[in-house]
Amino acid sequence: MIGDKGAAAKILALVPEAWIKKIPFFVRKHATTKTIERIASEYPELYAVAKRPGEVPEAEREALRSIITGIFEERMKKHKIQ
C-alpha cells in the first residue's frame, strides 16, 4: 500500500501521460500503485526524497524518471502494449 500519495503523484508525473493512458483503465490503478511500491522498496532513498514537501531536486528527479520509465517500458513490452 502506498503510504504517501504526494510522493506517488510526484513520481507518476515523471511518466509520459500517453504511456499511462495506454494501460487499460481497469488495471491502471493497480499497475501504477505496484510500480510506486516497487520504487519505494527498491530505491527507498529516492522515495524518501519524493516524500519531502516541495519539488524533487533535479538529480533525484532524473534518477526517478529513468527508473520509472524503465519499469514502464519493461512492463509494456511484457504485456505487448504498443
N, C-alpha and C. Protein backbone atom coordinates (compact mmCIF):
# COMPACT_ATOMS: atom_id res chain seq x y z
N MET A 1 0.84 -1.19 0.00
CA MET A 1 0.00 0.00 0.00
C MET A 1 0.88 1.24 0.00
N ILE A 2 0.54 2.18 -0.81
CA ILE A 2 1.30 3.42 -0.89
C ILE A 2 1.01 4.25 0.35
N GLY A 3 2.07 4.66 1.04
CA GLY A 3 1.91 5.43 2.25
C GLY A 3 1.78 6.91 2.00
N ASP A 4 2.33 7.41 0.94
CA ASP A 4 2.36 8.84 0.70
C ASP A 4 1.87 9.14 -0.72
N LYS A 5 0.64 9.61 -0.83
CA LYS A 5 0.06 9.88 -2.14
C LYS A 5 0.75 11.04 -2.84
N GLY A 6 1.28 11.98 -2.08
CA GLY A 6 2.01 13.11 -2.66
C GLY A 6 3.27 12.64 -3.37
N ALA A 7 4.01 11.74 -2.72
CA ALA A 7 5.22 11.19 -3.34
C ALA A 7 4.85 10.39 -4.58
N ALA A 8 3.78 9.62 -4.50
CA ALA A 8 3.34 8.82 -5.65
C ALA A 8 2.99 9.73 -6.82
N ALA A 9 2.28 10.82 -6.54
CA ALA A 9 1.90 11.75 -7.60
C ALA A 9 3.13 12.38 -8.25
N LYS A 10 4.12 12.75 -7.43
CA LYS A 10 5.34 13.36 -7.96
C LYS A 10 6.08 12.38 -8.87
N ILE A 11 6.13 11.11 -8.45
CA ILE A 11 6.85 10.10 -9.23
C ILE A 11 6.09 9.79 -10.52
N LEU A 12 4.77 9.62 -10.43
CA LEU A 12 3.98 9.31 -11.62
C LEU A 12 3.97 10.47 -12.62
N ALA A 13 4.16 11.69 -12.14
CA ALA A 13 4.22 12.85 -13.03
C ALA A 13 5.42 12.77 -13.97
N LEU A 14 6.39 11.93 -13.64
CA LEU A 14 7.59 11.78 -14.46
C LEU A 14 7.38 10.85 -15.66
N VAL A 15 6.25 10.14 -15.65
CA VAL A 15 5.94 9.21 -16.74
C VAL A 15 5.12 9.95 -17.79
N PRO A 16 5.44 9.78 -19.06
CA PRO A 16 4.62 10.42 -20.09
C PRO A 16 3.14 10.00 -19.93
N GLU A 17 2.25 10.96 -19.92
CA GLU A 17 0.83 10.69 -19.72
C GLU A 17 0.27 9.72 -20.76
N ALA A 18 0.81 9.79 -21.96
CA ALA A 18 0.35 8.89 -23.03
C ALA A 18 0.61 7.44 -22.66
N TRP A 19 1.70 7.18 -21.96
CA TRP A 19 2.01 5.81 -21.55
C TRP A 19 0.98 5.32 -20.54
N ILE A 20 0.65 6.16 -19.59
CA ILE A 20 -0.31 5.77 -18.56
C ILE A 20 -1.67 5.51 -19.19
N LYS A 21 -2.04 6.32 -20.17
CA LYS A 21 -3.34 6.14 -20.83
C LYS A 21 -3.40 4.87 -21.67
N LYS A 22 -2.24 4.32 -22.04
CA LYS A 22 -2.22 3.08 -22.81
C LYS A 22 -2.53 1.86 -21.94
N ILE A 23 -2.39 2.02 -20.63
CA ILE A 23 -2.70 0.92 -19.71
C ILE A 23 -4.21 0.83 -19.62
N PRO A 24 -4.79 -0.35 -19.83
CA PRO A 24 -6.25 -0.48 -19.74
C PRO A 24 -6.76 0.08 -18.41
N PHE A 25 -7.84 0.85 -18.48
CA PHE A 25 -8.34 1.57 -17.30
C PHE A 25 -8.64 0.66 -16.12
N PHE A 26 -9.04 -0.58 -16.38
CA PHE A 26 -9.43 -1.46 -15.29
C PHE A 26 -8.24 -2.03 -14.51
N VAL A 27 -7.01 -1.86 -15.01
CA VAL A 27 -5.82 -2.28 -14.28
C VAL A 27 -4.85 -1.12 -14.03
N ARG A 28 -5.21 0.07 -14.47
CA ARG A 28 -4.31 1.23 -14.38
C ARG A 28 -3.91 1.54 -12.94
N LYS A 29 -4.89 1.60 -12.03
CA LYS A 29 -4.57 1.94 -10.65
C LYS A 29 -3.66 0.89 -10.04
N HIS A 30 -3.95 -0.37 -10.27
CA HIS A 30 -3.12 -1.46 -9.76
C HIS A 30 -1.70 -1.34 -10.31
N ALA A 31 -1.58 -1.12 -11.60
CA ALA A 31 -0.27 -1.04 -12.24
C ALA A 31 0.56 0.12 -11.69
N THR A 32 -0.06 1.28 -11.55
CA THR A 32 0.70 2.43 -11.05
C THR A 32 1.03 2.27 -9.57
N THR A 33 0.10 1.73 -8.79
CA THR A 33 0.35 1.52 -7.36
C THR A 33 1.50 0.55 -7.15
N LYS A 34 1.49 -0.56 -7.87
CA LYS A 34 2.55 -1.56 -7.73
C LYS A 34 3.89 -1.00 -8.19
N THR A 35 3.89 -0.15 -9.19
CA THR A 35 5.14 0.46 -9.65
C THR A 35 5.71 1.37 -8.56
N ILE A 36 4.88 2.18 -7.94
CA ILE A 36 5.33 3.06 -6.86
C ILE A 36 5.83 2.23 -5.68
N GLU A 37 5.11 1.16 -5.33
CA GLU A 37 5.55 0.29 -4.24
C GLU A 37 6.91 -0.33 -4.54
N ARG A 38 7.12 -0.70 -5.80
CA ARG A 38 8.40 -1.28 -6.20
C ARG A 38 9.52 -0.27 -6.04
N ILE A 39 9.28 0.96 -6.45
CA ILE A 39 10.28 2.02 -6.30
C ILE A 39 10.56 2.26 -4.81
N ALA A 40 9.51 2.31 -3.99
CA ALA A 40 9.68 2.54 -2.55
C ALA A 40 10.52 1.45 -1.90
N SER A 41 10.35 0.20 -2.35
CA SER A 41 11.11 -0.88 -1.73
C SER A 41 12.52 -1.02 -2.30
N GLU A 42 12.68 -0.79 -3.60
CA GLU A 42 14.00 -0.97 -4.23
C GLU A 42 14.88 0.27 -4.14
N TYR A 43 14.26 1.45 -4.05
CA TYR A 43 15.00 2.71 -4.01
C TYR A 43 14.47 3.59 -2.88
N PRO A 44 14.59 3.14 -1.63
CA PRO A 44 14.00 3.88 -0.50
C PRO A 44 14.56 5.30 -0.35
N GLU A 45 15.83 5.50 -0.71
CA GLU A 45 16.41 6.83 -0.56
C GLU A 45 15.78 7.81 -1.55
N LEU A 46 15.50 7.39 -2.77
CA LEU A 46 14.85 8.26 -3.75
C LEU A 46 13.38 8.49 -3.39
N TYR A 47 12.72 7.45 -2.90
CA TYR A 47 11.33 7.59 -2.48
C TYR A 47 11.24 8.58 -1.32
N ALA A 48 12.20 8.52 -0.39
CA ALA A 48 12.22 9.45 0.75
C ALA A 48 12.36 10.89 0.27
N VAL A 49 13.16 11.11 -0.76
CA VAL A 49 13.31 12.46 -1.32
C VAL A 49 11.98 12.92 -1.92
N ALA A 50 11.27 12.03 -2.61
CA ALA A 50 9.99 12.38 -3.22
C ALA A 50 8.93 12.68 -2.16
N LYS A 51 9.07 12.10 -0.97
CA LYS A 51 8.10 12.33 0.10
C LYS A 51 8.24 13.71 0.72
N ARG A 52 9.39 14.32 0.58
CA ARG A 52 9.60 15.66 1.17
C ARG A 52 8.69 16.68 0.50
N PRO A 53 8.28 17.70 1.25
CA PRO A 53 7.45 18.76 0.64
C PRO A 53 8.24 19.50 -0.45
N GLY A 54 7.52 20.01 -1.41
CA GLY A 54 8.14 20.78 -2.48
C GLY A 54 8.58 19.91 -3.64
N GLU A 55 9.31 20.54 -4.55
CA GLU A 55 9.77 19.86 -5.76
C GLU A 55 10.89 18.87 -5.45
N VAL A 56 10.98 17.85 -6.27
CA VAL A 56 12.08 16.88 -6.17
C VAL A 56 13.30 17.52 -6.84
N PRO A 57 14.47 17.52 -6.16
CA PRO A 57 15.68 18.10 -6.78
C PRO A 57 16.00 17.44 -8.13
N GLU A 58 16.65 18.20 -8.99
CA GLU A 58 16.92 17.78 -10.37
C GLU A 58 17.59 16.41 -10.47
N ALA A 59 18.66 16.18 -9.71
CA ALA A 59 19.39 14.91 -9.82
C ALA A 59 18.50 13.72 -9.46
N GLU A 60 17.76 13.85 -8.36
CA GLU A 60 16.87 12.77 -7.93
C GLU A 60 15.70 12.60 -8.89
N ARG A 61 15.20 13.72 -9.43
CA ARG A 61 14.10 13.66 -10.39
C ARG A 61 14.52 12.88 -11.63
N GLU A 62 15.73 13.14 -12.13
CA GLU A 62 16.21 12.43 -13.31
C GLU A 62 16.44 10.95 -13.02
N ALA A 63 16.93 10.64 -11.82
CA ALA A 63 17.13 9.24 -11.44
C ALA A 63 15.77 8.53 -11.37
N LEU A 64 14.80 9.17 -10.74
CA LEU A 64 13.45 8.59 -10.65
C LEU A 64 12.82 8.44 -12.04
N ARG A 65 13.00 9.45 -12.89
CA ARG A 65 12.46 9.38 -14.26
C ARG A 65 13.04 8.18 -15.00
N SER A 66 14.33 7.99 -14.89
CA SER A 66 14.98 6.87 -15.55
C SER A 66 14.45 5.53 -15.03
N ILE A 67 14.31 5.43 -13.72
CA ILE A 67 13.83 4.18 -13.10
C ILE A 67 12.40 3.88 -13.51
N ILE A 68 11.52 4.85 -13.38
CA ILE A 68 10.10 4.58 -13.64
C ILE A 68 9.84 4.36 -15.12
N THR A 69 10.53 5.09 -15.99
CA THR A 69 10.30 4.84 -17.42
C THR A 69 10.84 3.47 -17.81
N GLY A 70 11.94 3.04 -17.18
CA GLY A 70 12.46 1.70 -17.42
C GLY A 70 11.47 0.63 -17.01
N ILE A 71 10.85 0.81 -15.84
CA ILE A 71 9.85 -0.15 -15.36
C ILE A 71 8.66 -0.18 -16.32
N PHE A 72 8.17 1.00 -16.72
CA PHE A 72 7.02 1.05 -17.62
C PHE A 72 7.35 0.42 -18.97
N GLU A 73 8.54 0.71 -19.52
CA GLU A 73 8.92 0.11 -20.80
C GLU A 73 8.96 -1.41 -20.70
N GLU A 74 9.54 -1.90 -19.61
CA GLU A 74 9.64 -3.35 -19.39
C GLU A 74 8.24 -3.99 -19.32
N ARG A 75 7.37 -3.38 -18.56
CA ARG A 75 6.03 -3.96 -18.40
C ARG A 75 5.18 -3.81 -19.65
N MET A 76 5.32 -2.70 -20.36
CA MET A 76 4.54 -2.51 -21.58
C MET A 76 4.99 -3.53 -22.63
N LYS A 77 6.28 -3.79 -22.68
CA LYS A 77 6.79 -4.79 -23.62
C LYS A 77 6.30 -6.18 -23.22
N LYS A 78 6.34 -6.49 -21.93
CA LYS A 78 5.90 -7.79 -21.43
C LYS A 78 4.44 -8.06 -21.77
N HIS A 79 3.60 -7.01 -21.64
CA HIS A 79 2.16 -7.16 -21.87
C HIS A 79 1.76 -6.76 -23.29
N LYS A 80 2.78 -6.54 -24.13
CA LYS A 80 2.54 -6.21 -25.55
C LYS A 80 1.64 -4.99 -25.74
N ILE A 81 1.90 -3.95 -24.94
CA ILE A 81 1.18 -2.68 -25.09
C ILE A 81 2.05 -1.79 -25.96
N GLN A 82 1.51 -1.37 -27.10
CA GLN A 82 2.28 -0.57 -28.04
C GLN A 82 2.24 0.89 -27.68
